[in-house]
Amino acid sequence: MIIPVDDTSGAREAGVAEFIDFMLANRVPVSARSEIRSTQDSIRLGDDAQTRFLAGLDWINARSKSEFGRKFLDCDAEQQKGLLEGLAYKAKYKPLTETGRNFFQMMRDYTVVGYYTTKIGLESLGYPGLRTAWPKCRAACTPTIRNMRALRNQTT
């Protein structure tokens, strides 16, 4: 619902759910609330991301149950959209939704990073590197590699 299918493929088709699972399972935050200056900082932020994400899923389900009488995934598309719009758009904020808004921002961050680091996401942007930079780089690198091999052969 964050990056739906339109004239390009959406987040689902790009495999963003799997990306988020991978990132959270490996404790990789996509946006840090503080500076990362050590391995311990990174581990702490990764643990925090997992905790916040799971708490956010619980919050979404609890809010959905209080508004619609069922879990978020059991709601129809309009109910889901309404609940998420109340978190995504400042003009639609409802009282006592800070936790949900923080979770939605985190989910949006993971979704955007996951989507725009895939071929589908880059194609949707019309990223020229997919058409021009990569083939040129490979062609430009070939003589360099050939020269390095020749140099290595001369010195052995």
Protein backbone atom coordinates (compact mmCIF):
# COMPACT_ATOMS: atom_id res chain seq x y z
CA MET A 1 0.00 0.00 0.00
CA ILE A 2 3.00 2.31 0.42
CA ILE A 3 4.29 1.80 -3.14
CA PRO A 4 1.39 0.26 -5.07
CA VAL A 5 1.30 -0.96 -8.63
CA ASP A 6 0.57 1.83 -11.10
CA ASP A 7 2.24 2.15 -14.49
CA THR A 8 5.24 0.45 -12.83
CA SER A 9 5.53 -2.55 -10.56
CA GLY A 10 4.96 -1.97 -6.86
CA ALA A 11 6.83 -2.86 -3.70
CA ARG A 12 5.28 -6.33 -3.55
CA GLU A 13 6.58 -7.21 -7.02
CA ALA A 14 10.01 -5.85 -6.11
CA GLY A 15 10.26 -8.22 -3.13
CA VAL A 16 10.24 -5.49 -0.49
CA ALA A 17 8.61 -7.71 2.15
CA GLU A 18 11.51 -10.13 1.88
CA PHE A 19 13.96 -7.21 2.03
CA ILE A 20 12.37 -5.94 5.25
CA ASP A 21 12.40 -9.45 6.75
CA PHE A 22 16.08 -9.80 5.86
CA MET A 23 17.03 -6.38 7.22
CA LEU A 24 15.20 -6.85 10.51
CA ALA A 25 16.35 -10.46 10.98
CA ASN A 26 19.92 -9.21 10.57
CA ARG A 27 19.30 -6.16 12.77
CA VAL A 28 20.01 -3.57 10.09
CA PRO A 29 18.26 -0.25 10.68
CA VAL A 30 17.61 1.90 7.61
CA SER A 31 17.36 5.14 9.53
CA ALA A 32 19.28 5.67 12.72
CA ARG A 33 17.94 7.73 15.59
CA SER A 34 21.48 8.39 16.76
CA GLU A 35 25.01 8.20 15.43
CA ILE A 36 26.66 4.85 14.90
CA ARG A 37 30.20 5.05 16.23
CA SER A 38 30.91 1.45 17.09
CA THR A 39 29.81 -2.11 16.50
CA GLN A 40 27.94 -1.97 19.80
CA ASP A 41 26.02 1.12 18.61
CA SER A 42 25.08 -0.73 15.45
CA ILE A 43 23.93 -3.81 17.35
CA ARG A 44 21.91 -1.69 19.77
CA LEU A 45 20.20 0.18 16.93
CA GLY A 46 19.48 -3.08 15.13
CA ASP A 47 17.95 -4.58 18.26
CA ASP A 48 15.94 -1.38 18.72
CA ALA A 49 14.68 -1.61 15.12
CA GLN A 50 13.45 -5.17 15.69
CA THR A 51 11.72 -4.22 18.93
CA ARG A 52 10.10 -1.11 17.45
CA PHE A 53 8.94 -3.00 14.36
CA LEU A 54 7.29 -5.81 16.32
CA ALA A 55 5.70 -3.30 18.71
CA GLY A 56 4.43 -1.37 15.69
CA LEU A 57 2.81 -4.46 14.20
CA ASP A 58 1.12 -5.09 17.55
CA TRP A 59 -0.05 -1.46 17.68
CA ILE A 60 -1.51 -1.63 14.15
CA ASN A 61 -3.43 -4.80 15.02
CA ALA A 62 -4.69 -3.38 18.31
CA ARG A 63 -5.82 -0.15 16.62
CA SER A 64 -7.48 -2.13 13.85
CA LYS A 65 -9.30 -4.30 16.38
CA SER A 66 -10.52 -1.25 18.29
CA GLU A 67 -11.77 0.50 15.12
CA PHE A 68 -12.96 -2.45 13.01
CA GLY A 69 -13.17 -5.43 15.34
CA ARG A 70 -10.49 -7.43 13.52
CA LYS A 71 -6.75 -7.58 12.80
CA PHE A 72 -5.32 -5.28 10.15
CA LEU A 73 -4.80 -8.01 7.54
CA ASP A 74 -8.39 -9.21 8.02
CA CYS A 75 -9.79 -5.76 7.19
CA ASP A 76 -10.91 -4.78 3.73
CA ALA A 77 -8.73 -2.52 1.58
CA GLU A 78 -10.68 0.65 2.43
CA GLN A 79 -10.37 0.04 6.18
CA GLN A 80 -6.64 -0.62 5.84
CA LYS A 81 -6.19 2.49 3.72
CA GLY A 82 -8.14 4.64 6.19
CA LEU A 83 -6.10 3.41 9.14
CA LEU A 84 -2.80 4.01 7.33
CA GLU A 85 -3.82 7.44 6.03
CA GLY A 86 -4.47 8.46 9.63
CA LEU A 87 -0.81 7.66 10.30
CA ALA A 88 0.74 8.88 7.06
CA TYR A 89 -0.84 12.32 6.62
CA LYS A 90 -0.52 15.03 9.23
CA ALA A 91 -3.91 16.50 8.30
CA LYS A 92 -5.52 13.14 9.15
CA TYR A 93 -3.70 12.43 12.44
CA LYS A 94 -5.93 11.23 15.25
CA PRO A 95 -5.21 11.63 18.97
CA LEU A 96 -3.03 8.99 20.62
CA THR A 97 -1.50 7.68 17.39
CA GLU A 98 2.13 8.71 17.98
CA THR A 99 3.27 5.10 18.30
CA GLY A 100 1.51 4.19 15.09
CA ARG A 101 2.90 7.22 13.26
CA ASN A 102 6.43 6.32 14.34
CA PHE A 103 5.91 2.75 13.17
CA PHE A 104 4.45 3.86 9.85
CA GLN A 105 7.44 6.16 9.25
CA MET A 106 9.77 3.24 9.99
CA MET A 107 7.80 0.95 7.66
CA ARG A 108 7.85 3.63 4.96
CA ASP A 109 11.64 4.05 5.36
CA TYR A 110 12.24 0.31 4.97
CA THR A 111 9.83 0.14 2.03
CA VAL A 112 11.40 3.03 0.14
CA VAL A 113 14.97 1.81 0.71
CA GLY A 114 13.99 -1.73 -0.27
CA TYR A 115 12.11 -0.65 -3.37
CA TYR A 116 14.60 1.84 -4.77
CA THR A 117 17.55 -0.52 -4.34
CA THR A 118 15.98 -3.07 -6.67
CA LYS A 119 16.06 -3.17 -10.43
CA ILE A 120 12.29 -2.56 -10.49
CA GLY A 121 12.67 0.55 -8.33
CA LEU A 122 15.57 1.90 -10.33
CA GLU A 123 13.69 1.28 -13.57
CA SER A 124 10.67 3.15 -12.20
CA LEU A 125 12.93 6.15 -11.66
CA GLY A 126 14.32 5.83 -15.15
CA TYR A 127 17.77 5.47 -13.60
CA PRO A 128 20.18 5.85 -16.51
CA GLY A 129 22.84 3.68 -14.89
CA LEU A 130 20.90 0.60 -15.86
CA ARG A 131 21.15 1.52 -19.55
CA THR A 132 24.30 3.56 -19.92
CA ALA A 133 26.72 3.55 -17.01
CA TRP A 134 26.98 -0.20 -16.43
CA PRO A 135 27.75 -1.19 -20.05
CA LYS A 136 30.26 1.68 -20.35
CA CYS A 137 31.93 0.76 -17.09
CA ARG A 138 32.33 -2.87 -18.09
CA ALA A 139 33.79 -1.85 -21.45
CA ALA A 140 36.09 0.71 -19.85
CA CYS A 141 37.28 -1.72 -17.20
CA THR A 142 38.21 -4.48 -19.62
CA PRO A 143 41.43 -2.85 -20.92
CA THR A 144 42.47 -2.01 -17.37
CA ILE A 145 42.05 -5.63 -16.29
CA ARG A 146 43.89 -6.77 -19.40
CA ASN A 147 46.73 -4.32 -18.62
CA MET A 148 46.93 -5.52 -15.02
CA ARG A 149 47.17 -9.14 -16.17
CA ALA A 150 49.89 -8.24 -18.64
CA LEU A 151 51.80 -6.36 -15.94
CA ARG A 152 51.45 -9.29 -13.54
CA ASN A 153 52.72 -11.69 -16.21
CA GLN A 154 55.72 -9.44 -16.90
CA THR A 155 56.73 -9.34 -13.23
CA THR A 156 56.49 -13.08 -12.65
